[in-house]
Amino acid sequence: MSGVLHHFAFDPASRAARLALGEARVAFEENAVRPWESDCVVATLNPSGMPPVFVTQERERPLTLCELPAILGWIEDQSPGALLPTDPVERAEARRLVHAFARRFNDEVDAVLLHERLEKPLLRLGPPEARALREGRENLKAHLALLEGLLARRDCLAGRRLSQADLVAAAHLSVLDFFGEVSWSNWPALKTWYMRLKSRPSFRPLLSDRLAGLQAAPHYTDLDF
């Protein structure tokens, strides 16, 4: 299996796709895109214009997988159990958490903090607003507390083994960590879990992601931070 992944390096869904393909040992080439530009190739591949988009072949026929749910579903079809537990309770929990990140975490945290820290500088929309940053950070604390509670009694987010939930969560948190938005010392179980994720081979390419004009937190590339 192989293909081309069109992605934006600081889009959490794109990062999750890169992690998932890496963990499933799917060979892929990366095409980094800027989805806000009018000539972005993603606009011709996905009606929504949003990355990630994975282009591959299925029985010698072209196959275009638009956005993260389609990519995760395809991986599971190709390699059942690769990124979802075989235990039905843990599978349900993994899917619940993936959906929670796609909806609540995205709406309450990413749409606020990443808009202020990432989108505004890239699109030249002015400086971050203090009120919005406070709101996003308070929302982030609530979500981190929930994750800390899960990891205080589990090896991985959905249970005993690595799953889609861990990869999606790590993708979201890694973008926030780039900007130094996660106070890891306040969340010891979450920090230990993230250190394990950060040390996996699939994660290493994410640590080299950079954008001109954006400064990574000093600890961003450290495996033992």
N, C-alpha and C. Protein backbone atom coordinates (compact mmCIF):
# COMPACT_ATOMS: atom_id res chain seq x y z
N MET A 1 0.84 -1.18 0.00
CA MET A 1 0.00 0.00 0.00
C MET A 1 0.89 1.24 0.00
N SER A 2 0.51 2.24 -0.77
CA SER A 2 1.25 3.49 -0.81
C SER A 2 0.35 4.57 -1.38
N GLY A 3 0.78 5.79 -1.30
CA GLY A 3 -0.01 6.89 -1.83
C GLY A 3 0.64 8.22 -1.55
N VAL A 4 -0.11 9.28 -1.80
CA VAL A 4 0.34 10.64 -1.56
C VAL A 4 -0.62 11.30 -0.59
N LEU A 5 -0.08 11.88 0.47
CA LEU A 5 -0.89 12.59 1.45
C LEU A 5 -0.69 14.08 1.26
N HIS A 6 -1.78 14.77 0.91
CA HIS A 6 -1.78 16.23 0.83
C HIS A 6 -2.20 16.75 2.19
N HIS A 7 -1.34 17.52 2.83
CA HIS A 7 -1.61 17.91 4.21
C HIS A 7 -1.03 19.29 4.50
N PHE A 8 -1.57 19.89 5.56
CA PHE A 8 -1.00 21.12 6.11
C PHE A 8 -0.39 20.76 7.45
N ALA A 9 0.89 21.07 7.62
CA ALA A 9 1.66 20.55 8.74
C ALA A 9 1.09 20.88 10.11
N PHE A 10 0.41 22.03 10.24
CA PHE A 10 -0.09 22.45 11.55
C PHE A 10 -1.60 22.29 11.69
N ASP A 11 -2.19 21.51 10.81
CA ASP A 11 -3.59 21.12 10.92
C ASP A 11 -3.65 19.83 11.73
N PRO A 12 -4.33 19.81 12.89
CA PRO A 12 -4.36 18.59 13.70
C PRO A 12 -4.85 17.35 12.95
N ALA A 13 -5.85 17.50 12.09
CA ALA A 13 -6.34 16.33 11.34
C ALA A 13 -5.27 15.81 10.39
N SER A 14 -4.53 16.72 9.77
CA SER A 14 -3.43 16.30 8.89
C SER A 14 -2.35 15.57 9.68
N ARG A 15 -2.05 16.07 10.85
CA ARG A 15 -1.05 15.39 11.69
C ARG A 15 -1.54 14.01 12.10
N ALA A 16 -2.81 13.90 12.44
CA ALA A 16 -3.36 12.60 12.82
C ALA A 16 -3.28 11.62 11.66
N ALA A 17 -3.52 12.09 10.44
CA ALA A 17 -3.41 11.23 9.27
C ALA A 17 -1.98 10.74 9.09
N ARG A 18 -1.01 11.63 9.26
CA ARG A 18 0.39 11.23 9.13
C ARG A 18 0.76 10.18 10.18
N LEU A 19 0.31 10.39 11.42
CA LEU A 19 0.58 9.42 12.47
C LEU A 19 -0.08 8.08 12.18
N ALA A 20 -1.34 8.12 11.74
CA ALA A 20 -2.07 6.88 11.49
C ALA A 20 -1.45 6.09 10.36
N LEU A 21 -1.10 6.74 9.27
CA LEU A 21 -0.47 6.06 8.15
C LEU A 21 0.89 5.49 8.57
N GLY A 22 1.61 6.26 9.37
CA GLY A 22 2.91 5.77 9.84
C GLY A 22 2.77 4.56 10.74
N GLU A 23 1.82 4.60 11.67
CA GLU A 23 1.62 3.47 12.58
C GLU A 23 1.12 2.23 11.84
N ALA A 24 0.33 2.44 10.78
CA ALA A 24 -0.17 1.32 9.99
C ALA A 24 0.83 0.84 8.95
N ARG A 25 1.99 1.50 8.91
CA ARG A 25 3.07 1.14 7.99
C ARG A 25 2.63 1.22 6.53
N VAL A 26 1.90 2.28 6.24
CA VAL A 26 1.52 2.58 4.86
C VAL A 26 2.56 3.55 4.30
N ALA A 27 3.19 3.16 3.22
CA ALA A 27 4.19 4.05 2.60
C ALA A 27 3.47 5.21 1.92
N PHE A 28 3.93 6.41 2.18
CA PHE A 28 3.28 7.57 1.55
C PHE A 28 4.26 8.71 1.36
N GLU A 29 4.03 9.44 0.29
CA GLU A 29 4.75 10.67 0.04
C GLU A 29 3.94 11.82 0.62
N GLU A 30 4.63 12.85 1.07
CA GLU A 30 3.96 14.00 1.65
C GLU A 30 3.98 15.17 0.67
N ASN A 31 2.83 15.79 0.50
CA ASN A 31 2.75 17.04 -0.25
C ASN A 31 2.19 18.09 0.68
N ALA A 32 3.06 18.95 1.19
CA ALA A 32 2.62 20.00 2.11
C ALA A 32 1.89 21.09 1.34
N VAL A 33 0.70 21.45 1.80
CA VAL A 33 -0.14 22.42 1.10
C VAL A 33 -0.46 23.59 2.03
N ARG A 34 -0.92 24.67 1.43
CA ARG A 34 -1.41 25.84 2.15
C ARG A 34 -2.87 26.03 1.73
N PRO A 35 -3.80 25.44 2.49
CA PRO A 35 -5.19 25.34 2.02
C PRO A 35 -5.91 26.66 1.82
N TRP A 36 -5.39 27.74 2.38
CA TRP A 36 -6.04 29.04 2.21
C TRP A 36 -5.67 29.71 0.88
N GLU A 37 -4.71 29.16 0.15
CA GLU A 37 -4.32 29.75 -1.12
C GLU A 37 -5.21 29.25 -2.25
N SER A 38 -5.53 30.12 -3.19
CA SER A 38 -6.53 29.82 -4.23
C SER A 38 -6.11 28.68 -5.15
N ASP A 39 -4.82 28.48 -5.32
CA ASP A 39 -4.36 27.43 -6.23
C ASP A 39 -3.99 26.14 -5.51
N CYS A 40 -4.44 25.97 -4.26
CA CYS A 40 -4.13 24.76 -3.50
C CYS A 40 -4.74 23.54 -4.18
N VAL A 41 -3.95 22.49 -4.36
CA VAL A 41 -4.41 21.29 -5.06
C VAL A 41 -5.56 20.61 -4.33
N VAL A 42 -5.64 20.79 -3.00
CA VAL A 42 -6.70 20.14 -2.22
C VAL A 42 -8.08 20.59 -2.70
N ALA A 43 -8.18 21.83 -3.15
CA ALA A 43 -9.48 22.33 -3.62
C ALA A 43 -10.00 21.55 -4.82
N THR A 44 -9.10 20.96 -5.60
CA THR A 44 -9.53 20.16 -6.75
C THR A 44 -9.81 18.71 -6.37
N LEU A 45 -9.38 18.30 -5.19
CA LEU A 45 -9.54 16.91 -4.76
C LEU A 45 -10.70 16.72 -3.79
N ASN A 46 -10.95 17.74 -2.95
CA ASN A 46 -11.94 17.63 -1.90
C ASN A 46 -12.93 18.79 -2.01
N PRO A 47 -14.22 18.52 -2.14
CA PRO A 47 -15.20 19.60 -2.28
C PRO A 47 -15.14 20.64 -1.17
N SER A 48 -14.75 20.22 0.05
CA SER A 48 -14.67 21.16 1.16
C SER A 48 -13.41 22.01 1.10
N GLY A 49 -12.43 21.59 0.31
CA GLY A 49 -11.17 22.31 0.23
C GLY A 49 -10.25 22.10 1.42
N MET A 50 -10.59 21.12 2.27
CA MET A 50 -9.84 20.93 3.51
C MET A 50 -8.92 19.72 3.43
N PRO A 51 -7.71 19.85 3.97
CA PRO A 51 -6.85 18.68 4.13
C PRO A 51 -7.24 17.92 5.40
N PRO A 52 -6.75 16.70 5.56
CA PRO A 52 -5.85 15.97 4.68
C PRO A 52 -6.62 15.24 3.58
N VAL A 53 -5.93 15.00 2.48
CA VAL A 53 -6.45 14.17 1.40
C VAL A 53 -5.38 13.15 1.05
N PHE A 54 -5.77 11.88 1.05
CA PHE A 54 -4.84 10.80 0.73
C PHE A 54 -5.26 10.18 -0.60
N VAL A 55 -4.34 10.18 -1.55
CA VAL A 55 -4.61 9.64 -2.88
C VAL A 55 -3.82 8.35 -3.04
N THR A 56 -4.54 7.27 -3.31
CA THR A 56 -3.92 5.96 -3.43
C THR A 56 -4.63 5.17 -4.52
N GLN A 57 -4.46 3.87 -4.51
CA GLN A 57 -5.14 3.00 -5.47
C GLN A 57 -5.79 1.84 -4.74
N GLU A 58 -6.92 1.41 -5.23
CA GLU A 58 -7.63 0.27 -4.69
C GLU A 58 -7.90 -0.69 -5.84
N ARG A 59 -7.18 -1.82 -5.86
CA ARG A 59 -7.31 -2.80 -6.94
C ARG A 59 -7.10 -2.13 -8.30
N GLU A 60 -5.99 -1.38 -8.36
CA GLU A 60 -5.55 -0.72 -9.58
C GLU A 60 -6.50 0.39 -10.05
N ARG A 61 -7.39 0.82 -9.17
CA ARG A 61 -8.26 1.96 -9.48
C ARG A 61 -7.89 3.13 -8.58
N PRO A 62 -7.92 4.36 -9.08
CA PRO A 62 -7.59 5.51 -8.25
C PRO A 62 -8.60 5.68 -7.11
N LEU A 63 -8.10 6.04 -5.95
CA LEU A 63 -8.95 6.23 -4.78
C LEU A 63 -8.51 7.50 -4.07
N THR A 64 -9.44 8.42 -3.86
CA THR A 64 -9.16 9.68 -3.16
C THR A 64 -9.94 9.69 -1.85
N LEU A 65 -9.21 9.74 -0.76
CA LEU A 65 -9.81 9.73 0.58
C LEU A 65 -9.75 11.14 1.15
N CYS A 66 -10.90 11.74 1.33
CA CYS A 66 -10.98 13.14 1.75
C CYS A 66 -11.23 13.25 3.25
N GLU A 67 -10.26 13.79 3.94
CA GLU A 67 -10.31 14.12 5.35
C GLU A 67 -10.11 12.90 6.25
N LEU A 68 -9.87 13.19 7.52
CA LEU A 68 -9.37 12.18 8.45
C LEU A 68 -10.30 10.97 8.62
N PRO A 69 -11.62 11.13 8.82
CA PRO A 69 -12.45 9.93 9.02
C PRO A 69 -12.33 8.93 7.87
N ALA A 70 -12.27 9.42 6.64
CA ALA A 70 -12.15 8.51 5.50
C ALA A 70 -10.81 7.79 5.52
N ILE A 71 -9.75 8.50 5.90
CA ILE A 71 -8.42 7.89 5.94
C ILE A 71 -8.35 6.84 7.05
N LEU A 72 -8.86 7.16 8.23
CA LEU A 72 -8.87 6.20 9.33
C LEU A 72 -9.72 4.98 8.98
N GLY A 73 -10.85 5.20 8.35
CA GLY A 73 -11.72 4.09 7.96
C GLY A 73 -11.04 3.19 6.95
N TRP A 74 -10.35 3.77 5.99
CA TRP A 74 -9.64 2.99 4.97
C TRP A 74 -8.53 2.15 5.61
N ILE A 75 -7.79 2.74 6.54
CA ILE A 75 -6.74 1.98 7.22
C ILE A 75 -7.34 0.78 7.94
N GLU A 76 -8.46 0.98 8.60
CA GLU A 76 -9.11 -0.13 9.32
C GLU A 76 -9.61 -1.19 8.34
N ASP A 77 -10.11 -0.77 7.18
CA ASP A 77 -10.54 -1.73 6.17
C ASP A 77 -9.36 -2.55 5.65
N GLN A 78 -8.23 -1.89 5.45
CA GLN A 78 -7.06 -2.57 4.92
C GLN A 78 -6.40 -3.49 5.95
N SER A 79 -6.36 -3.02 7.19
CA SER A 79 -5.67 -3.77 8.25
C SER A 79 -6.53 -3.78 9.51
N PRO A 80 -7.56 -4.64 9.54
CA PRO A 80 -8.46 -4.65 10.70
C PRO A 80 -7.70 -4.83 12.01
N GLY A 81 -8.00 -3.95 12.96
CA GLY A 81 -7.35 -4.02 14.26
C GLY A 81 -6.04 -3.29 14.34
N ALA A 82 -5.59 -2.69 13.23
CA ALA A 82 -4.30 -1.99 13.26
C ALA A 82 -4.33 -0.81 14.21
N LEU A 83 -5.42 -0.05 14.18
CA LEU A 83 -5.50 1.17 14.99
C LEU A 83 -6.75 1.22 15.85
N LEU A 84 -7.48 0.13 15.90
CA LEU A 84 -8.63 0.03 16.79
C LEU A 84 -8.53 -1.26 17.60
N PRO A 85 -8.84 -1.22 18.88
CA PRO A 85 -8.76 -2.44 19.70
C PRO A 85 -9.75 -3.50 19.21
N THR A 86 -9.43 -4.75 19.48
CA THR A 86 -10.36 -5.83 19.14
C THR A 86 -11.48 -5.93 20.17
N ASP A 87 -11.21 -5.49 21.40
CA ASP A 87 -12.24 -5.50 22.43
C ASP A 87 -13.33 -4.49 22.08
N PRO A 88 -14.61 -4.92 22.03
CA PRO A 88 -15.67 -4.00 21.58
C PRO A 88 -15.85 -2.79 22.48
N VAL A 89 -15.62 -2.93 23.77
CA VAL A 89 -15.76 -1.79 24.68
C VAL A 89 -14.67 -0.75 24.39
N GLU A 90 -13.45 -1.23 24.21
CA GLU A 90 -12.35 -0.31 23.93
C GLU A 90 -12.48 0.30 22.53
N ARG A 91 -13.02 -0.46 21.57
CA ARG A 91 -13.26 0.11 20.24
C ARG A 91 -14.26 1.26 20.33
N ALA A 92 -15.32 1.03 21.09
CA ALA A 92 -16.34 2.08 21.25
C ALA A 92 -15.75 3.31 21.93
N GLU A 93 -14.89 3.08 22.92
CA GLU A 93 -14.27 4.19 23.63
C GLU A 93 -13.32 4.96 22.72
N ALA A 94 -12.56 4.24 21.89
CA ALA A 94 -11.66 4.91 20.95
C ALA A 94 -12.46 5.78 19.99
N ARG A 95 -13.55 5.27 19.48
CA ARG A 95 -14.36 6.04 18.54
C ARG A 95 -15.00 7.25 19.23
N ARG A 96 -15.41 7.07 20.48
CA ARG A 96 -15.99 8.19 21.23
C ARG A 96 -14.98 9.32 21.36
N LEU A 97 -13.75 8.98 21.70
CA LEU A 97 -12.74 10.00 21.91
C LEU A 97 -12.33 10.67 20.61
N VAL A 98 -12.22 9.90 19.53
CA VAL A 98 -11.92 10.50 18.23
C VAL A 98 -12.99 11.52 17.86
N HIS A 99 -14.24 11.16 18.07
CA HIS A 99 -15.34 12.08 17.76
C HIS A 99 -15.30 13.31 18.66
N ALA A 100 -14.94 13.11 19.93
CA ALA A 100 -14.88 14.24 20.86
C ALA A 100 -13.83 15.25 20.43
N PHE A 101 -12.70 14.78 19.93
CA PHE A 101 -11.68 15.70 19.44
C PHE A 101 -12.14 16.41 18.18
N ALA A 102 -12.83 15.67 17.31
CA ALA A 102 -13.29 16.28 16.06
C ALA A 102 -14.34 17.35 16.30
N ARG A 103 -15.11 17.23 17.36
CA ARG A 103 -16.20 18.17 17.62
C ARG A 103 -15.85 19.13 18.75
N ARG A 104 -15.91 18.66 19.99
CA ARG A 104 -15.79 19.57 21.13
C ARG A 104 -14.40 20.18 21.25
N PHE A 105 -13.35 19.35 21.16
CA PHE A 105 -12.01 19.90 21.31
C PHE A 105 -11.71 20.89 20.18
N ASN A 106 -12.10 20.54 18.98
CA ASN A 106 -11.88 21.45 17.86
C ASN A 106 -12.63 22.76 18.05
N ASP A 107 -13.89 22.67 18.46
CA ASP A 107 -14.72 23.87 18.60
C ASP A 107 -14.30 24.73 19.79
N GLU A 108 -13.95 24.09 20.91
CA GLU A 108 -13.71 24.83 22.15
C GLU A 108 -12.26 25.24 22.34
N VAL A 109 -11.34 24.52 21.72
CA VAL A 109 -9.91 24.80 21.92
C VAL A 109 -9.24 25.24 20.63
N ASP A 110 -9.22 24.37 19.62
CA ASP A 110 -8.51 24.70 18.38
C ASP A 110 -9.05 25.94 17.70
N ALA A 111 -10.37 26.03 17.62
CA ALA A 111 -10.97 27.16 16.91
C ALA A 111 -10.68 28.49 17.59
N VAL A 112 -10.28 28.43 18.85
CA VAL A 112 -9.94 29.65 19.59
C VAL A 112 -8.43 29.86 19.62
N LEU A 113 -7.70 28.90 20.22
CA LEU A 113 -6.26 29.09 20.40
C LEU A 113 -5.50 29.06 19.08
N LEU A 114 -5.83 28.12 18.21
CA LEU A 114 -5.09 28.05 16.94
C LEU A 114 -5.48 29.18 16.01
N HIS A 115 -6.68 29.68 16.16
CA HIS A 115 -7.03 30.87 15.39
C HIS A 115 -6.15 32.05 15.81
N GLU A 116 -5.99 32.22 17.12
CA GLU A 116 -5.21 33.35 17.63
C GLU A 116 -3.71 33.17 17.41
N ARG A 117 -3.20 31.94 17.63
CA ARG A 117 -1.76 31.72 17.59
C ARG A 117 -1.23 31.35 16.21
N LEU A 118 -2.08 30.75 15.36
CA LEU A 118 -1.63 30.24 14.07
C LEU A 118 -2.25 30.98 12.88
N GLU A 119 -3.58 31.02 12.85
CA GLU A 119 -4.25 31.59 11.68
C GLU A 119 -4.02 33.09 11.55
N LYS A 120 -4.09 33.81 12.66
CA LYS A 120 -3.91 35.26 12.58
C LYS A 120 -2.54 35.65 12.03
N PRO A 121 -1.44 35.07 12.51
CA PRO A 121 -0.15 35.43 11.92
C PRO A 121 -0.04 35.04 10.45
N LEU A 122 -0.54 33.85 10.10
CA LEU A 122 -0.41 33.40 8.72
C LEU A 122 -1.22 34.27 7.75
N LEU A 123 -2.41 34.65 8.19
CA LEU A 123 -3.31 35.42 7.32
C LEU A 123 -3.23 36.92 7.57
N ARG A 124 -2.32 37.32 8.47
CA ARG A 124 -2.12 38.74 8.78
C ARG A 124 -3.42 39.41 9.22
N LEU A 125 -4.02 38.79 10.23
CA LEU A 125 -5.30 39.28 10.75
C LEU A 125 -5.15 40.09 12.03
N GLY A 126 -3.92 40.45 12.35
CA GLY A 126 -3.71 41.25 13.55
C GLY A 126 -3.20 40.41 14.71
N PRO A 127 -2.92 41.06 15.83
CA PRO A 127 -2.36 40.36 17.00
C PRO A 127 -3.42 39.53 17.71
N PRO A 128 -2.98 38.55 18.51
CA PRO A 128 -3.93 37.76 19.30
C PRO A 128 -4.71 38.64 20.28
N GLU A 129 -5.94 38.24 20.55
CA GLU A 129 -6.78 38.95 21.52
C GLU A 129 -6.65 38.27 22.88
N ALA A 130 -6.36 39.04 23.90
CA ALA A 130 -6.15 38.49 25.24
C ALA A 130 -7.39 37.75 25.73
N ARG A 131 -8.56 38.30 25.48
CA ARG A 131 -9.80 37.65 25.96
C ARG A 131 -9.97 36.28 25.33
N ALA A 132 -9.73 36.18 24.03
CA ALA A 132 -9.87 34.90 23.33
C ALA A 132 -8.84 33.89 23.83
N LEU A 133 -7.62 34.36 24.07
CA LEU A 133 -6.59 33.46 24.58
C LEU A 133 -6.97 32.92 25.96
N ARG A 134 -7.51 33.77 26.82
CA ARG A 134 -7.94 33.30 28.15
C ARG A 134 -9.05 32.27 28.02
N GLU A 135 -9.99 32.53 27.16
CA GLU A 135 -11.10 31.59 26.97
C GLU A 135 -10.60 30.24 26.45
N GLY A 136 -9.74 30.28 25.43
CA GLY A 136 -9.22 29.04 24.87
C GLY A 136 -8.40 28.25 25.87
N ARG A 137 -7.63 28.94 26.68
CA ARG A 137 -6.79 28.26 27.67
C ARG A 137 -7.62 27.64 28.79
N GLU A 138 -8.68 28.31 29.19
CA GLU A 138 -9.58 27.71 30.18
C GLU A 138 -10.27 26.48 29.63
N ASN A 139 -10.69 26.55 28.38
CA ASN A 139 -11.30 25.37 27.74
C ASN A 139 -10.30 24.23 27.64
N LEU A 140 -9.05 24.57 27.30
CA LEU A 140 -8.01 23.55 27.19
C LEU A 140 -7.79 22.86 28.53
N LYS A 141 -7.75 23.61 29.61
CA LYS A 141 -7.55 23.02 30.94
C LYS A 141 -8.63 21.98 31.24
N ALA A 142 -9.86 22.28 30.90
CA ALA A 142 -10.95 21.34 31.17
C ALA A 142 -10.76 20.04 30.39
N HIS A 143 -10.34 20.15 29.14
CA HIS A 143 -10.11 18.95 28.34
C HIS A 143 -8.90 18.17 28.84
N LEU A 144 -7.85 18.88 29.23
CA LEU A 144 -6.67 18.19 29.75
C LEU A 144 -6.97 17.45 31.04
N ALA A 145 -7.83 18.02 31.85
CA ALA A 145 -8.23 17.35 33.10
C ALA A 145 -8.95 16.04 32.80
N LEU A 146 -9.78 16.04 31.77
CA LEU A 146 -10.48 14.81 31.39
C LEU A 146 -9.49 13.75 30.91
N LEU A 147 -8.52 14.16 30.09
CA LEU A 147 -7.52 13.22 29.60
C LEU A 147 -6.65 12.70 30.73
N GLU A 148 -6.27 13.58 31.65
CA GLU A 148 -5.47 13.17 32.81
C GLU A 148 -6.21 12.11 33.61
N GLY A 149 -7.52 12.29 33.78
CA GLY A 149 -8.31 11.32 34.52
C GLY A 149 -8.33 9.96 33.84
N LEU A 150 -8.44 9.94 32.53
CA LEU A 150 -8.43 8.68 31.80
C LEU A 150 -7.08 7.98 31.93
N LEU A 151 -6.00 8.74 31.77
CA LEU A 151 -4.67 8.13 31.75
C LEU A 151 -4.16 7.79 33.14
N ALA A 152 -4.81 8.30 34.17
CA ALA A 152 -4.44 7.91 35.53
C ALA A 152 -4.81 6.46 35.81
N ARG A 153 -5.72 5.89 35.01
CA ARG A 153 -6.15 4.51 35.23
C ARG A 153 -6.04 3.63 33.98
N ARG A 154 -5.48 4.15 32.91
CA ARG A 154 -5.33 3.39 31.68
C ARG A 154 -3.93 3.56 31.12
N ASP A 155 -3.46 2.56 30.39
CA ASP A 155 -2.18 2.68 29.70
C ASP A 155 -2.27 3.63 28.51
N CYS A 156 -3.39 3.55 27.79
CA CYS A 156 -3.64 4.41 26.63
C CYS A 156 -5.03 5.01 26.79
N LEU A 157 -5.38 5.94 25.93
CA LEU A 157 -6.62 6.69 26.16
C LEU A 157 -7.87 5.82 26.15
N ALA A 158 -7.92 4.85 25.24
CA ALA A 158 -9.12 4.01 25.14
C ALA A 158 -9.03 2.74 25.96
N GLY A 159 -7.86 2.45 26.51
CA GLY A 159 -7.73 1.22 27.28
C GLY A 159 -6.30 0.73 27.34
N ARG A 160 -6.11 -0.52 26.92
CA ARG A 160 -4.81 -1.18 27.13
C ARG A 160 -3.83 -0.99 25.99
N ARG A 161 -4.28 -0.60 24.81
CA ARG A 161 -3.36 -0.52 23.67
C ARG A 161 -3.58 0.76 22.87
N LEU A 162 -2.53 1.10 22.14
CA LEU A 162 -2.57 2.29 21.30
C LEU A 162 -3.71 2.19 20.28
N SER A 163 -4.40 3.30 20.07
CA SER A 163 -5.52 3.30 19.13
C SER A 163 -5.60 4.64 18.40
N GLN A 164 -6.59 4.73 17.53
CA GLN A 164 -6.86 5.99 16.84
C GLN A 164 -6.97 7.15 17.83
N ALA A 165 -7.56 6.88 18.99
CA ALA A 165 -7.78 7.94 19.97
C ALA A 165 -6.46 8.58 20.40
N ASP A 166 -5.44 7.77 20.63
CA ASP A 166 -4.14 8.30 21.06
C ASP A 166 -3.52 9.15 19.96
N LEU A 167 -3.62 8.67 18.72
CA LEU A 167 -3.00 9.39 17.61
C LEU A 167 -3.70 10.72 17.36
N VAL A 168 -5.02 10.72 17.42
CA VAL A 168 -5.77 11.96 17.21
C VAL A 168 -5.47 12.95 18.33
N ALA A 169 -5.49 12.46 19.56
CA ALA A 169 -5.20 13.34 20.70
C ALA A 169 -3.78 13.91 20.60
N ALA A 170 -2.81 13.06 20.27
CA ALA A 170 -1.42 13.52 20.16
C ALA A 170 -1.27 14.55 19.05
N ALA A 171 -2.02 14.37 17.97
CA ALA A 171 -1.95 15.33 16.86
C ALA A 171 -2.43 16.70 17.31
N HIS A 172 -3.55 16.75 17.99
CA HIS A 172 -4.08 18.03 18.47
C HIS A 172 -3.14 18.67 19.49
N LEU A 173 -2.71 17.87 20.46
CA LEU A 173 -1.87 18.43 21.51
C LEU A 173 -0.51 18.85 20.99
N SER A 174 0.00 18.17 19.97
CA SER A 174 1.32 18.52 19.45
C SER A 174 1.34 19.90 18.80
N VAL A 175 0.23 20.27 18.15
CA VAL A 175 0.17 21.62 17.56
C VAL A 175 0.15 22.66 18.68
N LEU A 176 -0.65 22.42 19.70
CA LEU A 176 -0.69 23.35 20.83
C LEU A 176 0.65 23.39 21.55
N ASP A 177 1.32 22.24 21.62
CA ASP A 177 2.62 22.19 22.29
C ASP A 177 3.66 22.98 21.51
N PHE A 178 3.54 23.04 20.21
CA PHE A 178 4.45 23.85 19.40
C PHE A 178 4.46 25.29 19.89
N PHE A 179 3.29 25.77 20.30
CA PHE A 179 3.15 27.15 20.78
C PHE A 179 3.31 27.26 22.30
N GLY A 180 3.64 26.15 22.95
CA GLY A 180 3.85 26.19 24.40
C GLY A 180 2.58 26.35 25.19
N GLU A 181 1.46 25.88 24.65
CA GLU A 181 0.17 26.08 25.30
C GLU A 181 -0.20 25.00 26.31
N VAL A 182 0.59 23.93 26.40
CA VAL A 182 0.28 22.85 27.34
C VAL A 182 1.25 22.89 28.51
N SER A 183 0.73 23.10 29.71
CA SER A 183 1.56 23.12 30.92
C SER A 183 1.70 21.68 31.42
N TRP A 184 2.66 20.96 30.86
CA TRP A 184 2.76 19.51 31.11
C TRP A 184 2.97 19.18 32.57
N SER A 185 3.63 20.05 33.32
CA SER A 185 3.91 19.74 34.73
C SER A 185 2.64 19.60 35.55
N ASN A 186 1.55 20.16 35.07
CA ASN A 186 0.28 20.06 35.79
C ASN A 186 -0.46 18.75 35.51
N TRP A 187 0.02 18.00 34.53
CA TRP A 187 -0.70 16.80 34.09
C TRP A 187 0.30 15.64 33.97
N PRO A 188 0.73 15.04 35.08
CA PRO A 188 1.81 14.05 35.05
C PRO A 188 1.49 12.79 34.24
N ALA A 189 0.28 12.26 34.36
CA ALA A 189 -0.07 11.06 33.60
C ALA A 189 -0.12 11.37 32.10
N LEU A 190 -0.67 12.52 31.78
CA LEU A 190 -0.75 12.94 30.38
C LEU A 190 0.65 13.18 29.82
N LYS A 191 1.53 13.76 30.60
CA LYS A 191 2.90 14.01 30.15
C LYS A 191 3.63 12.70 29.86
N THR A 192 3.49 11.71 30.74
CA THR A 192 4.13 10.41 30.51
C THR A 192 3.61 9.77 29.24
N TRP A 193 2.31 9.83 29.05
CA TRP A 193 1.69 9.29 27.82
C TRP A 193 2.23 10.02 26.59
N TYR A 194 2.31 11.35 26.64
CA TYR A 194 2.76 12.11 25.49
C TYR A 194 4.23 11.84 25.19
N MET A 195 5.04 11.64 26.20
CA MET A 195 6.44 11.32 26.00
C MET A 195 6.57 10.00 25.25
N ARG A 196 5.73 9.02 25.58
CA ARG A 196 5.76 7.74 24.86
C ARG A 196 5.36 7.93 23.40
N LEU A 197 4.31 8.71 23.17
CA LEU A 197 3.87 8.96 21.80
C LEU A 197 4.94 9.71 21.02
N LYS A 198 5.53 10.68 21.65
CA LYS A 198 6.53 11.54 21.01
C LYS A 198 7.77 10.75 20.59
N SER A 199 8.04 9.64 21.26
CA SER A 199 9.22 8.84 20.98
C SER A 199 8.99 7.81 19.87
N ARG A 200 7.78 7.67 19.38
CA ARG A 200 7.50 6.69 18.34
C ARG A 200 8.02 7.18 16.99
N PRO A 201 8.50 6.26 16.14
CA PRO A 201 9.02 6.67 14.83
C PRO A 201 8.02 7.47 14.00
N SER A 202 6.73 7.16 14.11
CA SER A 202 5.73 7.88 13.32
C SER A 202 5.64 9.35 13.69
N PHE A 203 6.07 9.68 14.91
CA PHE A 203 5.95 11.05 15.42
C PHE A 203 7.11 11.94 15.00
N ARG A 204 8.24 11.33 14.69
CA ARG A 204 9.46 12.12 14.46
C ARG A 204 9.33 13.17 13.37
N PRO A 205 8.68 12.85 12.23
CA PRO A 205 8.56 13.90 11.20
C PRO A 205 7.82 15.15 11.68
N LEU A 206 6.88 14.98 12.62
CA LEU A 206 6.13 16.13 13.10
C LEU A 206 7.03 17.11 13.84
N LEU A 207 8.07 16.61 14.47
CA LEU A 207 8.94 17.46 15.27
C LEU A 207 9.81 18.38 14.41
N SER A 208 9.89 18.09 13.13
CA SER A 208 10.68 18.95 12.24
C SER A 208 9.81 19.98 11.51
N ASP A 209 8.50 19.96 11.74
CA ASP A 209 7.60 20.91 11.08
C ASP A 209 7.89 22.34 11.55
N ARG A 210 7.99 23.23 10.59
CA ARG A 210 8.20 24.64 10.90
C ARG A 210 7.45 25.50 9.88
N LEU A 211 7.10 26.72 10.29
CA LEU A 211 6.55 27.72 9.39
C LEU A 211 7.29 29.02 9.61
N ALA A 212 7.61 29.70 8.53
CA ALA A 212 8.33 30.97 8.63
C ALA A 212 7.55 31.95 9.50
N GLY A 213 8.25 32.55 10.43
CA GLY A 213 7.63 33.55 11.30
C GLY A 213 7.01 32.99 12.56
N LEU A 214 6.95 31.66 12.69
CA LEU A 214 6.38 31.04 13.88
C LEU A 214 7.49 30.33 14.65
N GLN A 215 7.58 30.61 15.94
CA GLN A 215 8.65 30.07 16.77
C GLN A 215 8.14 28.91 17.60
N ALA A 216 8.83 27.77 17.54
CA ALA A 216 8.46 26.62 18.36
C ALA A 216 8.87 26.83 19.81
N ALA A 217 8.10 26.26 20.73
CA ALA A 217 8.47 26.29 22.14
C ALA A 217 9.82 25.59 22.32
N PRO A 218 10.65 26.02 23.27
CA PRO A 218 12.00 25.46 23.42
C PRO A 218 12.03 23.94 23.60
N HIS A 219 11.00 23.38 24.26
CA HIS A 219 10.99 21.95 24.55
C HIS A 219 10.34 21.12 23.45
N TYR A 220 9.89 21.77 22.38
CA TYR A 220 9.04 21.09 21.40
C TYR A 220 9.67 19.82 20.83
N THR A 221 10.95 19.84 20.51
CA THR A 221 11.59 18.67 19.91
C THR A 221 12.20 17.72 20.91
N ASP A 222 12.21 18.07 22.21
CA ASP A 222 12.83 17.23 23.23
C ASP A 222 11.94 16.02 23.52
N LEU A 223 12.54 14.83 23.49
CA LEU A 223 11.79 13.62 23.81
C LEU A 223 11.61 13.44 25.31
N ASP A 224 12.56 13.95 26.06
CA ASP A 224 12.51 13.89 27.53
C ASP A 224 12.46 15.32 28.04
N PHE A 225 11.26 15.84 28.24
CA PHE A 225 11.10 17.26 28.52
C PHE A 225 10.47 17.50 29.89
